[in-house]
């Protein structure tokens, strides 16, 4: 029973790790697009893009901190 519990925990951790990785990839794509918009000629677009960049960077940092600490 212990082995099943351990392997199910390992499986859950693997899936969580994959999810974090996939989310970071999606956030990186959005961050790149938003970063390009920070140089837009329209100042309103620049301001909104900067807000988006900040939010995406914050979300990326949260994902990085959510990793299980290495023992």
N, C-alpha and C. Protein backbone atom coordinates (compact mmCIF):
# COMPACT_ATOMS: atom_id res chain seq x y z
N UNK A 1 0.82 -1.19 0.00
CA UNK A 1 0.00 0.00 0.00
C UNK A 1 0.86 1.25 0.00
N UNK A 2 1.97 1.24 0.72
CA UNK A 2 2.86 2.39 0.76
C UNK A 2 3.43 2.69 -0.62
N UNK A 3 3.81 1.62 -1.34
CA UNK A 3 4.38 1.83 -2.66
C UNK A 3 3.36 2.48 -3.60
N UNK A 4 2.10 2.07 -3.53
CA UNK A 4 1.06 2.67 -4.35
C UNK A 4 0.90 4.14 -4.01
N UNK A 5 0.90 4.44 -2.74
CA UNK A 5 0.76 5.81 -2.30
C UNK A 5 1.94 6.65 -2.79
N UNK A 6 3.17 6.10 -2.68
CA UNK A 6 4.36 6.81 -3.14
C UNK A 6 4.33 7.03 -4.65
N UNK A 7 3.97 5.97 -5.40
CA UNK A 7 3.98 6.10 -6.86
C UNK A 7 2.87 7.03 -7.32
N UNK A 8 1.75 7.07 -6.62
CA UNK A 8 0.68 7.99 -6.99
C UNK A 8 1.12 9.41 -6.68
N UNK A 9 1.87 9.62 -5.60
CA UNK A 9 2.42 10.93 -5.29
C UNK A 9 3.45 11.36 -6.32
N UNK A 10 4.28 10.41 -6.75
CA UNK A 10 5.27 10.70 -7.79
C UNK A 10 4.58 11.07 -9.10
N UNK A 11 3.51 10.34 -9.43
CA UNK A 11 2.76 10.61 -10.65
C UNK A 11 2.13 12.00 -10.59
N UNK A 12 1.55 12.33 -9.45
CA UNK A 12 0.93 13.65 -9.29
C UNK A 12 1.98 14.75 -9.41
N UNK A 13 3.14 14.54 -8.81
CA UNK A 13 4.22 15.54 -8.88
C UNK A 13 4.72 15.69 -10.31
N UNK A 14 4.81 14.58 -11.05
CA UNK A 14 5.23 14.65 -12.46
C UNK A 14 4.23 15.45 -13.27
N UNK A 15 2.95 15.18 -13.07
CA UNK A 15 1.92 15.90 -13.81
C UNK A 15 1.91 17.38 -13.45
N UNK A 16 2.11 17.68 -12.17
CA UNK A 16 2.17 19.07 -11.73
C UNK A 16 3.38 19.78 -12.34
N UNK A 17 4.50 19.08 -12.38
CA UNK A 17 5.70 19.64 -12.98
C UNK A 17 5.49 19.93 -14.46
N UNK A 18 4.84 19.01 -15.16
CA UNK A 18 4.54 19.20 -16.58
C UNK A 18 3.60 20.38 -16.78
N UNK A 19 2.60 20.49 -15.91
CA UNK A 19 1.67 21.61 -16.00
C UNK A 19 2.39 22.94 -15.79
N UNK A 20 3.26 23.00 -14.78
CA UNK A 20 4.01 24.24 -14.53
C UNK A 20 4.87 24.59 -15.74
N UNK A 21 5.52 23.59 -16.32
CA UNK A 21 6.36 23.80 -17.50
C UNK A 21 5.53 24.34 -18.67
N UNK A 22 4.40 23.71 -18.93
CA UNK A 22 3.54 24.14 -20.03
C UNK A 22 3.01 25.55 -19.81
N UNK A 23 2.62 25.87 -18.57
CA UNK A 23 2.15 27.22 -18.27
C UNK A 23 3.25 28.26 -18.46
N UNK A 24 4.47 27.92 -18.03
CA UNK A 24 5.58 28.87 -18.22
C UNK A 24 5.83 29.11 -19.71
N UNK A 25 5.71 28.07 -20.53
CA UNK A 25 5.86 28.24 -21.98
C UNK A 25 4.79 29.16 -22.54
N UNK A 26 3.54 28.95 -22.13
CA UNK A 26 2.45 29.80 -22.60
C UNK A 26 2.64 31.25 -22.14
N UNK A 27 3.06 31.42 -20.90
CA UNK A 27 3.30 32.77 -20.38
C UNK A 27 4.44 33.45 -21.12
N UNK A 28 5.47 32.69 -21.46
CA UNK A 28 6.61 33.26 -22.19
C UNK A 28 6.18 33.78 -23.56
N UNK A 29 5.30 33.04 -24.23
CA UNK A 29 4.79 33.47 -25.54
C UNK A 29 4.00 34.77 -25.40
N UNK A 30 3.13 34.82 -24.41
CA UNK A 30 2.34 36.03 -24.18
C UNK A 30 3.23 37.20 -23.77
N UNK A 31 4.24 36.91 -22.96
CA UNK A 31 5.17 37.95 -22.50
C UNK A 31 5.93 38.54 -23.69
N UNK A 32 6.36 37.71 -24.60
CA UNK A 32 7.07 38.20 -25.79
C UNK A 32 6.18 39.14 -26.59
N UNK A 33 4.94 38.74 -26.83
CA UNK A 33 4.02 39.58 -27.61
C UNK A 33 3.74 40.90 -26.89
N UNK A 34 3.49 40.83 -25.58
CA UNK A 34 3.22 42.05 -24.81
C UNK A 34 4.45 42.96 -24.78
N UNK A 35 5.62 42.36 -24.67
CA UNK A 35 6.86 43.14 -24.64
C UNK A 35 7.04 43.91 -25.95
N UNK A 36 6.72 43.27 -27.06
CA UNK A 36 6.81 43.95 -28.36
C UNK A 36 5.86 45.15 -28.40
N UNK A 37 4.70 45.01 -27.78
CA UNK A 37 3.72 46.10 -27.78
C UNK A 37 4.14 47.28 -26.91
N UNK A 38 5.09 47.08 -26.01
CA UNK A 38 5.56 48.20 -25.18
C UNK A 38 6.27 49.26 -26.02
N UNK A 39 6.66 48.91 -27.25
CA UNK A 39 7.31 49.86 -28.16
C UNK A 39 6.35 50.42 -29.21
N UNK A 40 5.07 50.17 -29.04
CA UNK A 40 4.06 50.63 -30.00
C UNK A 40 4.02 52.16 -30.02
N UNK A 41 3.65 52.71 -31.16
CA UNK A 41 3.59 54.17 -31.31
C UNK A 41 2.52 54.80 -30.40
N UNK A 42 1.44 54.09 -30.16
CA UNK A 42 0.34 54.60 -29.34
C UNK A 42 0.69 54.45 -27.85
N UNK A 43 0.72 55.56 -27.13
CA UNK A 43 1.09 55.52 -25.71
C UNK A 43 0.11 54.71 -24.86
N UNK A 44 -1.15 54.71 -25.24
CA UNK A 44 -2.15 53.92 -24.52
C UNK A 44 -1.83 52.43 -24.64
N UNK A 45 -1.46 52.01 -25.83
CA UNK A 45 -1.07 50.62 -26.05
C UNK A 45 0.17 50.30 -25.21
N UNK A 46 1.12 51.22 -25.18
CA UNK A 46 2.34 51.02 -24.38
C UNK A 46 2.01 50.82 -22.90
N UNK A 47 1.12 51.67 -22.37
CA UNK A 47 0.74 51.56 -20.95
C UNK A 47 0.07 50.22 -20.65
N UNK A 48 -0.86 49.85 -21.51
CA UNK A 48 -1.57 48.57 -21.30
C UNK A 48 -0.61 47.40 -21.45
N UNK A 49 0.27 47.48 -22.42
CA UNK A 49 1.24 46.41 -22.63
C UNK A 49 2.16 46.27 -21.42
N UNK A 50 2.56 47.39 -20.85
CA UNK A 50 3.41 47.35 -19.66
C UNK A 50 2.68 46.67 -18.50
N UNK A 51 1.41 46.96 -18.34
CA UNK A 51 0.61 46.30 -17.29
C UNK A 51 0.54 44.79 -17.53
N UNK A 52 0.36 44.42 -18.78
CA UNK A 52 0.30 42.99 -19.13
C UNK A 52 1.64 42.32 -18.85
N UNK A 53 2.74 42.97 -19.25
CA UNK A 53 4.08 42.43 -19.00
C UNK A 53 4.28 42.21 -17.51
N UNK A 54 3.92 43.21 -16.71
CA UNK A 54 4.09 43.09 -15.25
C UNK A 54 3.29 41.92 -14.68
N UNK A 55 2.05 41.77 -15.13
CA UNK A 55 1.20 40.68 -14.64
C UNK A 55 1.76 39.32 -15.06
N UNK A 56 2.24 39.22 -16.29
CA UNK A 56 2.80 37.95 -16.77
C UNK A 56 4.09 37.60 -16.04
N UNK A 57 4.92 38.59 -15.77
CA UNK A 57 6.15 38.34 -15.03
C UNK A 57 5.84 37.88 -13.60
N UNK A 58 4.83 38.49 -13.00
CA UNK A 58 4.42 38.09 -11.64
C UNK A 58 3.91 36.64 -11.64
N UNK A 59 3.10 36.29 -12.64
CA UNK A 59 2.59 34.92 -12.73
C UNK A 59 3.72 33.92 -12.95
N UNK A 60 4.69 34.30 -13.77
CA UNK A 60 5.84 33.42 -14.02
C UNK A 60 6.63 33.20 -12.75
N UNK A 61 6.84 34.25 -11.98
CA UNK A 61 7.56 34.13 -10.70
C UNK A 61 6.81 33.23 -9.72
N UNK A 62 5.50 33.36 -9.69
CA UNK A 62 4.70 32.50 -8.80
C UNK A 62 4.87 31.03 -9.18
N UNK A 63 4.88 30.76 -10.46
CA UNK A 63 5.08 29.38 -10.91
C UNK A 63 6.45 28.87 -10.50
N UNK A 64 7.46 29.71 -10.64
CA UNK A 64 8.81 29.29 -10.26
C UNK A 64 8.88 29.00 -8.77
N UNK A 65 8.23 29.82 -7.95
CA UNK A 65 8.24 29.62 -6.50
C UNK A 65 7.41 28.42 -6.07
N UNK A 66 6.51 27.97 -6.93
CA UNK A 66 5.63 26.85 -6.57
C UNK A 66 6.33 25.50 -6.69
N UNK A 67 7.54 25.51 -7.25
CA UNK A 67 8.27 24.25 -7.38
C UNK A 67 8.60 23.70 -6.01
N UNK A 68 8.60 22.39 -5.94
CA UNK A 68 8.93 21.69 -4.69
C UNK A 68 10.41 21.93 -4.38
N UNK A 69 10.73 22.37 -3.17
CA UNK A 69 12.15 22.59 -2.84
C UNK A 69 12.94 21.28 -2.90
N UNK A 70 14.15 21.38 -3.41
CA UNK A 70 15.04 20.22 -3.50
C UNK A 70 15.62 19.92 -2.13
N UNK A 71 15.52 18.66 -1.69
CA UNK A 71 16.04 18.29 -0.38
C UNK A 71 17.43 17.75 -0.47
